[in-house]
Protein backbone atom coordinates (compact mmCIF):
# COMPACT_ATOMS: atom_id res chain seq x y z
CA MET A 1 -86.32 -75.53 -55.65
CA THR A 2 -85.63 -72.90 -57.95
CA LEU A 3 -82.48 -72.67 -60.34
CA GLN A 4 -80.41 -70.46 -58.24
CA LEU A 5 -77.40 -68.79 -59.61
CA PRO A 6 -74.79 -66.65 -58.10
CA ALA A 7 -75.07 -62.71 -58.85
CA GLY A 8 -73.64 -62.02 -62.08
CA LEU A 9 -74.63 -65.02 -63.96
CA MET A 10 -77.29 -64.74 -65.23
CA GLN A 11 -77.25 -67.07 -68.01
CA PRO A 12 -74.49 -69.78 -67.95
CA PHE A 13 -75.87 -72.33 -70.71
CA ASP A 14 -74.43 -72.18 -74.13
CA LEU A 15 -77.32 -72.43 -76.25
CA LYS A 16 -78.66 -72.14 -80.00
CA ALA A 17 -82.07 -71.36 -81.48
CA LEU A 18 -82.20 -72.39 -85.41
CA ARG A 19 -85.38 -72.32 -87.52
CA ASP A 20 -84.71 -74.01 -90.63
CA ASP A 21 -86.94 -74.03 -94.59
CA LEU A 22 -85.52 -77.04 -95.51
CA HIS A 23 -83.55 -80.38 -93.80
CA VAL A 24 -82.28 -83.06 -96.28
CA MET A 25 -80.65 -86.08 -94.22
CA ALA A 26 -79.48 -89.63 -95.94
CA PHE A 27 -77.84 -92.62 -94.09
CA PHE A 28 -75.52 -94.61 -96.25
CA GLN A 29 -73.49 -97.81 -96.37
CA GLY A 30 -69.88 -98.43 -97.30
CA HIS A 31 -67.56 -95.43 -96.52
CA PRO A 32 -64.95 -96.36 -93.98
CA GLU A 33 -65.23 -92.77 -91.98
CA TRP A 34 -68.84 -91.51 -93.02
CA GLU A 35 -71.93 -93.09 -92.05
CA ALA A 36 -74.61 -89.86 -92.97
CA VAL A 37 -75.18 -86.61 -94.56
CA GLU A 38 -77.37 -84.08 -94.04
CA ALA A 39 -78.05 -80.33 -94.79
CA MET A 40 -80.24 -77.45 -92.87
CA VAL A 41 -80.91 -74.77 -95.24
CA ARG A 42 -82.70 -71.32 -94.67
CA TYR A 43 -83.41 -69.16 -97.05
CA ARG A 44 -81.30 -65.24 -96.87
CA GLY A 45 -83.42 -62.42 -97.27
CA ASP A 46 -81.93 -61.67 -100.65
CA GLY A 47 -83.11 -65.38 -101.73
CA THR A 48 -79.88 -67.30 -101.72
CA PRO A 49 -79.67 -70.46 -99.12
CA SER A 50 -77.48 -70.53 -96.39
CA VAL A 51 -76.29 -74.15 -96.03
CA ARG A 52 -75.34 -76.00 -92.74
CA ALA A 53 -74.18 -79.76 -94.66
CA ILE A 54 -73.03 -82.14 -91.62
CA LEU A 55 -71.11 -84.93 -92.39
CA THR A 56 -71.31 -87.99 -89.52
CA ARG A 57 -68.55 -90.37 -88.63
CA HIS A 58 -68.98 -93.95 -87.28
CA ASP A 59 -67.61 -92.65 -84.03
CA GLN A 60 -70.76 -90.75 -84.04
CA SER A 61 -67.94 -87.11 -84.24
CA GLN A 62 -69.90 -84.91 -86.57
CA VAL A 63 -67.95 -81.73 -88.67
CA ASP A 64 -70.01 -78.48 -89.92
CA HIS A 65 -69.37 -77.19 -93.60
CA VAL A 66 -71.18 -74.42 -93.97
CA ASN A 67 -71.59 -71.45 -96.88
CA ASP A 68 -72.36 -68.35 -94.52
CA PRO A 69 -69.39 -67.05 -92.46
CA ARG A 70 -71.66 -65.79 -90.18
CA VAL A 71 -72.54 -69.00 -89.59
CA ALA A 72 -69.41 -70.33 -89.21
CA ALA A 73 -68.87 -67.25 -86.61
CA SER A 74 -71.16 -68.34 -84.62
CA ALA A 75 -70.12 -71.85 -84.15
CA SER A 76 -69.60 -73.56 -80.62
CA ALA A 77 -65.70 -74.28 -79.32
CA GLY A 78 -66.21 -78.29 -79.12
CA ARG A 79 -67.82 -78.06 -82.77
CA GLN A 80 -65.70 -78.67 -85.98
CA THR A 81 -66.91 -76.68 -88.65
CA VAL A 82 -65.18 -75.17 -92.03
CA GLU A 83 -66.31 -72.99 -94.60
CA ARG A 84 -66.82 -74.18 -98.05
CA GLU A 85 -68.80 -73.08 -101.15
CA ILE A 86 -71.75 -75.43 -101.15
CA GLY A 87 -73.87 -75.99 -104.16
CA PHE A 88 -77.68 -76.05 -103.43
CA GLU A 89 -80.58 -77.06 -105.46
CA GLU A 90 -84.14 -77.73 -105.33
CA GLY A 91 -87.13 -78.86 -107.25
CA GLU A 92 -90.67 -80.71 -107.99
CA SER A 93 -91.56 -84.48 -109.50
CA ALA A 94 -94.11 -85.83 -109.75
CA GLU A 95 -93.18 -88.26 -107.18
CA GLY A 96 -92.74 -84.81 -104.41
CA PRO A 97 -89.99 -82.40 -104.40
CA TRP A 98 -86.43 -83.11 -104.02
CA ALA A 99 -82.97 -81.59 -103.07
CA ARG A 100 -79.47 -81.84 -104.42
CA VAL A 101 -76.37 -80.61 -102.12
CA ALA A 102 -72.96 -80.63 -103.40
CA PHE A 103 -69.37 -80.00 -101.34
CA SER A 104 -66.26 -80.37 -100.60
CA ALA A 105 -65.76 -82.49 -97.37
CA ILE A 106 -63.20 -81.64 -94.50
CA GLY A 107 -61.00 -84.34 -95.64
CA GLY A 108 -61.41 -82.93 -99.72
CA GLU A 109 -63.04 -85.60 -100.86
CA SER A 110 -66.43 -84.16 -103.12
CA VAL A 111 -69.64 -85.20 -101.45
CA VAL A 112 -72.91 -85.39 -103.25
CA MET A 113 -76.20 -85.80 -101.43
CA GLU A 114 -79.62 -86.26 -103.25
CA VAL A 115 -82.78 -86.57 -101.46
CA HIS A 116 -86.04 -87.21 -103.26
CA ALA A 117 -89.45 -86.91 -101.26
CA ALA A 118 -91.26 -90.34 -101.29
CA GLY A 119 -94.51 -88.62 -101.37
CA GLN A 120 -95.21 -84.99 -100.43
CA PRO A 121 -94.24 -83.81 -96.79
CA SER A 122 -96.82 -84.03 -94.74
CA SER A 123 -97.63 -82.91 -90.66
CA ALA A 124 -98.76 -86.22 -90.37
CA ARG A 125 -95.02 -86.90 -90.02
CA ALA A 126 -94.06 -84.16 -87.58
CA GLY A 127 -92.56 -84.83 -84.61
CA LEU A 128 -89.53 -84.62 -82.02
CA SER A 129 -86.38 -86.59 -83.57
CA ASP A 130 -84.78 -89.17 -81.87
CA PRO A 131 -80.99 -88.37 -82.70
CA GLY A 132 -79.76 -91.79 -81.88
CA ASP A 133 -76.07 -91.45 -80.74
CA HIS A 134 -75.29 -88.45 -83.12
CA ALA A 135 -72.60 -86.13 -81.04
CA ARG A 136 -73.77 -88.17 -77.89
CA ASN A 137 -71.51 -86.58 -75.58
CA ALA A 138 -71.43 -83.33 -77.36
CA SER A 139 -74.89 -81.72 -77.46
CA LEU A 140 -78.59 -82.63 -76.11
CA PRO A 141 -80.31 -81.50 -79.40
CA MET A 142 -84.32 -80.89 -79.80
CA MET A 143 -85.30 -81.35 -83.59
CA TRP A 144 -88.75 -80.94 -84.71
CA ARG A 145 -89.92 -82.32 -88.06
CA GLY A 146 -92.95 -79.54 -89.61
CA GLN A 147 -93.74 -81.30 -92.46
CA SER A 148 -91.66 -84.48 -92.95
CA ALA A 149 -91.47 -87.49 -95.67
CA LEU A 150 -89.16 -90.25 -96.05
CA ALA A 151 -86.19 -90.30 -98.87
CA SER A 152 -87.53 -92.73 -101.95
CA GLN A 153 -85.78 -95.29 -103.90
CA ARG A 154 -83.90 -92.15 -106.08
CA SER A 155 -81.99 -90.97 -103.61
CA LYS A 156 -78.36 -90.75 -103.40
CA VAL A 157 -75.04 -90.78 -101.84
CA VAL A 158 -71.69 -90.37 -103.84
CA ILE A 159 -68.62 -89.28 -102.36
CA ASN A 160 -65.57 -88.77 -105.00
CA ASP A 161 -67.23 -90.53 -107.34
CA GLN A 162 -68.61 -93.53 -105.47
CA PRO A 163 -72.36 -94.16 -105.21
CA HIS A 164 -72.90 -95.30 -101.03
CA ALA A 165 -76.13 -97.19 -100.98
CA LEU A 166 -79.24 -96.09 -98.57
CA PRO A 167 -80.50 -98.89 -96.69
CA VAL A 168 -84.31 -99.32 -96.63
CA LEU A 169 -86.53 -98.13 -93.67
CA VAL A 170 -89.90 -99.13 -94.67
CA ASP A 171 -90.47 -102.04 -96.99
CA ARG A 172 -94.20 -102.48 -98.32
CA ALA A 173 -93.08 -103.00 -102.08
CA PRO A 174 -94.50 -102.73 -104.42
CA HIS A 175 -96.84 -100.14 -103.15
CA TYR A 176 -94.28 -98.06 -100.88
CA VAL A 177 -90.59 -98.37 -99.84
CA GLY A 178 -88.85 -95.13 -97.75
CA MET A 179 -85.41 -95.32 -97.34
CA HIS A 180 -83.27 -94.18 -95.01
CA GLY A 181 -83.39 -90.74 -95.23
CA TYR A 182 -85.45 -87.72 -94.73
CA PHE A 183 -87.15 -84.49 -96.81
CA THR A 184 -88.64 -82.27 -94.16
CA ARG A 185 -89.91 -78.74 -94.60
CA GLN A 186 -89.90 -76.46 -91.86
CA HIS A 187 -86.98 -77.86 -89.21
CA TRP A 188 -86.70 -76.44 -85.98
CA MET A 189 -83.42 -77.06 -83.57
CA GLY A 190 -82.89 -76.17 -79.81
CA ILE A 191 -79.45 -77.58 -78.81
CA LEU A 192 -77.50 -77.41 -75.69
CA ARG A 193 -73.59 -78.23 -76.26
CA GLY A 194 -71.26 -78.88 -74.15
CA GLY A 195 -68.01 -77.73 -74.13
CA VAL A 196 -65.46 -74.83 -72.20
CA VAL A 197 -65.95 -71.15 -72.36
CA VAL A 198 -65.29 -67.86 -70.89
CA GLN A 199 -68.11 -65.84 -70.47
CA PRO A 200 -66.50 -62.30 -70.29
CA ALA A 201 -66.63 -60.02 -67.23
CA GLY A 202 -68.74 -56.87 -67.89
CA GLN A 203 -71.47 -58.52 -69.55
CA ARG A 204 -75.07 -56.27 -68.68
CA TRP A 205 -78.33 -57.33 -68.44
CA ALA A 206 -81.20 -54.83 -68.98
CA LYS A 207 -84.59 -55.43 -67.21
CA THR A 208 -87.09 -54.51 -69.62
CA ALA A 209 -89.73 -55.68 -67.97
CA GLU A 210 -91.73 -56.62 -64.67
CA GLU A 211 -94.70 -58.18 -63.55
CA GLY A 212 -95.88 -60.08 -60.24
CA GLY A 213 -92.54 -59.26 -58.99
CA VAL A 214 -90.99 -61.47 -62.40
CA CYS A 215 -88.47 -59.78 -64.08
CA THR A 216 -87.38 -59.90 -67.68
CA TRP A 217 -83.78 -59.41 -68.61
CA VAL A 218 -82.25 -59.16 -72.05
CA LEU A 219 -78.80 -59.24 -73.03
CA GLU A 220 -77.20 -55.49 -73.90
CA GLY A 221 -75.59 -56.37 -77.78
CA ASP A 222 -77.46 -59.17 -78.37
CA GLU A 223 -81.59 -59.40 -77.83
CA THR A 224 -81.60 -63.01 -78.76
CA GLN A 225 -81.37 -63.78 -75.33
CA ARG A 226 -83.95 -63.34 -72.36
CA VAL A 227 -83.83 -63.95 -68.59
CA ARG A 228 -87.20 -64.41 -66.72
CA GLY A 229 -87.19 -64.94 -62.99
CA THR A 230 -86.48 -62.48 -59.28
CA CYS A 231 -83.16 -61.38 -57.82
CA ALA A 232 -82.60 -60.99 -54.27
CA ASP A 233 -79.96 -60.82 -51.97
CA GLY A 234 -77.63 -61.07 -54.34
CA VAL A 235 -79.19 -64.68 -55.85
CA GLN A 236 -81.39 -64.66 -59.16
CA ALA A 237 -84.14 -67.57 -58.89
CA ILE A 238 -84.67 -68.01 -62.61
CA SER A 239 -87.67 -70.03 -63.74
CA GLU A 240 -87.10 -69.48 -67.46
CA ILE A 241 -84.26 -68.88 -70.01
CA GLN A 242 -84.95 -68.16 -73.54
CA ILE A 243 -83.22 -68.19 -77.22
CA LEU A 244 -84.33 -66.68 -80.03
CA ALA A 245 -83.84 -68.32 -83.50
CA ALA A 246 -82.03 -65.41 -85.71
CA GLY A 247 -84.67 -63.33 -87.22
CA ARG A 248 -87.35 -64.78 -85.39
CA ASP A 249 -89.62 -64.12 -82.25
CA VAL A 250 -89.57 -67.40 -81.28
CA GLY A 251 -86.54 -69.73 -80.10
CA ALA A 252 -85.90 -72.69 -77.53
CA SER A 253 -86.55 -72.36 -73.61
CA LEU A 254 -85.16 -73.63 -70.64
CA ARG A 255 -87.88 -73.47 -67.92
CA PHE A 256 -87.01 -74.51 -64.43
CA ARG A 257 -90.11 -75.24 -61.30
CA GLU A 258 -89.18 -76.24 -58.28
CA SER A 259 -86.60 -79.27 -58.84
CA ARG A 260 -87.83 -80.29 -62.69
CA PHE A 261 -86.65 -78.82 -65.91
CA GLU A 262 -88.39 -78.31 -69.44
CA PHE A 263 -86.63 -77.82 -72.52
CA LEU A 264 -88.80 -76.41 -75.21
CA ILE A 265 -88.86 -75.72 -78.76
CA ASP A 266 -91.46 -72.57 -78.93
CA GLY A 267 -94.46 -72.70 -80.78
CA THR A 268 -94.69 -76.71 -80.91
CA PRO A 269 -95.01 -79.70 -78.47
CA ALA A 270 -91.09 -80.93 -78.71
CA MET A 271 -90.04 -80.81 -74.87
CA VAL A 272 -87.26 -82.54 -73.10
CA SER A 273 -88.20 -82.76 -69.51
CA GLY A 274 -86.51 -84.38 -66.15
CA GLN A 275 -85.07 -83.07 -62.93
CA PHE A 276 -82.32 -80.36 -61.90
CA THR A 277 -79.87 -79.72 -59.30
CA CYS A 278 -77.92 -76.61 -58.53
CA ASN A 279 -75.38 -75.53 -55.61
CA VAL A 280 -73.89 -72.51 -55.46
CA ALA A 281 -70.67 -71.95 -53.33
CA GLY A 282 -69.61 -68.29 -53.32
CA ASP A 283 -68.28 -68.04 -57.08
CA ARG A 284 -68.95 -71.39 -58.03
CA LEU A 285 -71.96 -73.29 -59.72
CA GLU A 286 -72.39 -76.70 -59.86
CA MET A 287 -75.50 -77.82 -61.93
CA ARG A 288 -76.87 -81.10 -63.09
CA LEU A 289 -79.75 -81.57 -65.56
CA VAL A 290 -81.15 -85.23 -65.83
CA PRO A 291 -83.25 -86.05 -68.84
CA GLU A 292 -86.12 -88.54 -68.03
CA GLU A 293 -88.56 -88.22 -71.38
CA PRO A 294 -88.41 -89.01 -74.08
CA ASP A 295 -86.04 -92.31 -73.81
CA TRP A 296 -83.07 -91.07 -75.91
CA ALA A 297 -82.83 -88.27 -73.77
CA ARG A 298 -81.60 -90.05 -70.76
CA ARG A 299 -78.21 -91.01 -71.91
CA ARG A 300 -77.56 -87.54 -72.59
CA SER A 301 -77.45 -85.59 -68.81
CA VAL A 302 -75.77 -82.02 -69.07
CA ASN A 303 -73.38 -81.49 -66.09
CA LEU A 304 -71.99 -77.88 -65.83
CA ILE A 305 -69.60 -76.15 -63.55
CA ALA A 306 -69.13 -72.52 -63.31
CA SER A 307 -66.44 -70.25 -61.89
CA ARG A 308 -65.59 -66.91 -61.35
CA MET A 309 -62.07 -65.78 -62.55
CA ALA A 310 -60.50 -62.29 -62.90
CA ASP A 311 -61.49 -61.92 -66.85
CA GLY A 312 -65.06 -63.50 -66.39
CA TRP A 313 -67.07 -66.75 -65.92
CA HIS A 314 -65.23 -69.96 -66.64
CA ILE A 315 -68.11 -72.62 -67.81
CA ARG A 316 -67.48 -76.01 -68.42
CA THR A 317 -70.58 -78.23 -69.94
CA THR A 318 -70.25 -81.96 -70.27
CA ILE A 319 -72.67 -83.91 -71.90
CA GLY A 320 -73.50 -87.59 -70.91
CA GLN A 321 -71.87 -90.11 -68.55
CA GLY A 322 -68.25 -89.80 -68.41
CA SER A 323 -68.21 -86.92 -70.99
CA ASP A 324 -65.99 -84.91 -69.62
CA THR A 325 -63.20 -85.65 -71.41
CA ALA A 326 -64.95 -85.82 -74.75
CA SER A 327 -64.74 -83.89 -78.12
CA GLY A 328 -61.06 -82.31 -77.64
CA LEU A 329 -62.83 -79.21 -75.54
CA THR A 330 -61.24 -75.91 -75.94
CA ASP A 331 -61.74 -72.34 -74.42
CA SER A 332 -63.83 -69.59 -76.36
CA ARG A 333 -65.33 -66.44 -75.66
CA LEU A 334 -69.14 -66.55 -75.28
CA THR A 335 -70.71 -63.26 -75.88
CA GLY A 336 -74.44 -64.15 -76.72
CA GLY A 337 -74.44 -66.47 -78.97
CA ALA A 338 -74.02 -70.71 -79.35
C-alpha cells in the first residue's frame, strides 16, 4: 500500500523543519504555573540572534515567545505565540560555554534563564531527544542534538526576581554533577503539528523532475515544500514529502512505503517510524499514522481528516488518543508553511 491522496491534495500535513545554532533548556522547581524554559537560537545573516523562547506549563502546554516577526507569522494555528524583545548573550568560561536569555513572559513576569554547560558540548551526547509529555496532544516532534552537554550547578532560572532551583539529573560528586538542563550546539527539529487549517483552493505544484516514473513537485511560491511520487487516474501515490529548513537545503521528510512510514530529520539518524493507514472516498481523506519507534512516540499517533470545500481543503489533524479537543484548535490559512 502507498499513500494515496485525492486529486488536488498534494501535501496535507502541517510540517515544519528548523535548524538552530543553539538550544538551551532548564527544568526548574517551585513555580505555580511553569516547569521548564528553553530557547532556540539561530543567527541571522547580519549576525543578530533570532530567538524562540518557550515556557512549558505543568499541564504540558507551551507558549512561544519570539523576537522575529517572521517566526511569529509562521506559527501554527494551535500554538500560543507572542512577540517579545528578548535579551540574549553567550560566552565561554573555564568550565564550558554559557548562554543567558531574558524576556517578559506572556503574563508579564520577567524570566531569566542562564545555562552553563557542565563541560564542552560533545557529539558523544548527540541523539534524538525524548520530549516527555511536553505538548503531547499538539505535535509529533523530533529534536536532534548535534553537540550537547548537561547544565552545570551554576545554571539558574529567575522569575520575577525569584530563583527557582534546577533538579540534579546526574550526581557523581565531587567529580561531576549535571543538572536537569541542556546546552546544545547544532539543534535540528522536524515537527508534525496538530490543528485545523484551510489549504486554499488554487494552490499550484510544479513538476521539476521525473525519473523512472517518479516525479518531484515543488509548491509554487514556496520551494521549501517538495513532494515525490506518481500520479495516475487523478490519484497521487506519494512516496515522500519534504520540508526544507529556512535557508537550508535539508529539512525533515515523511516517507511512505507499503504500510509503513518514516519521519526523518535529513542528514541525521533521527527517525520516528511506524504503520499508516489511509482511505480516500471522493473528496475526503482519512489517514492515521501509528508510531512504533522510539517508545516515547507511541503516545503521539497522528489522525488526519481532509475534506474539499468551496474555498479549499479543510484539514484537521489531532495528535494522540482522544486528542480531538486538545489545544483549542482554530482555523488558519496554510499557504506553504507550518
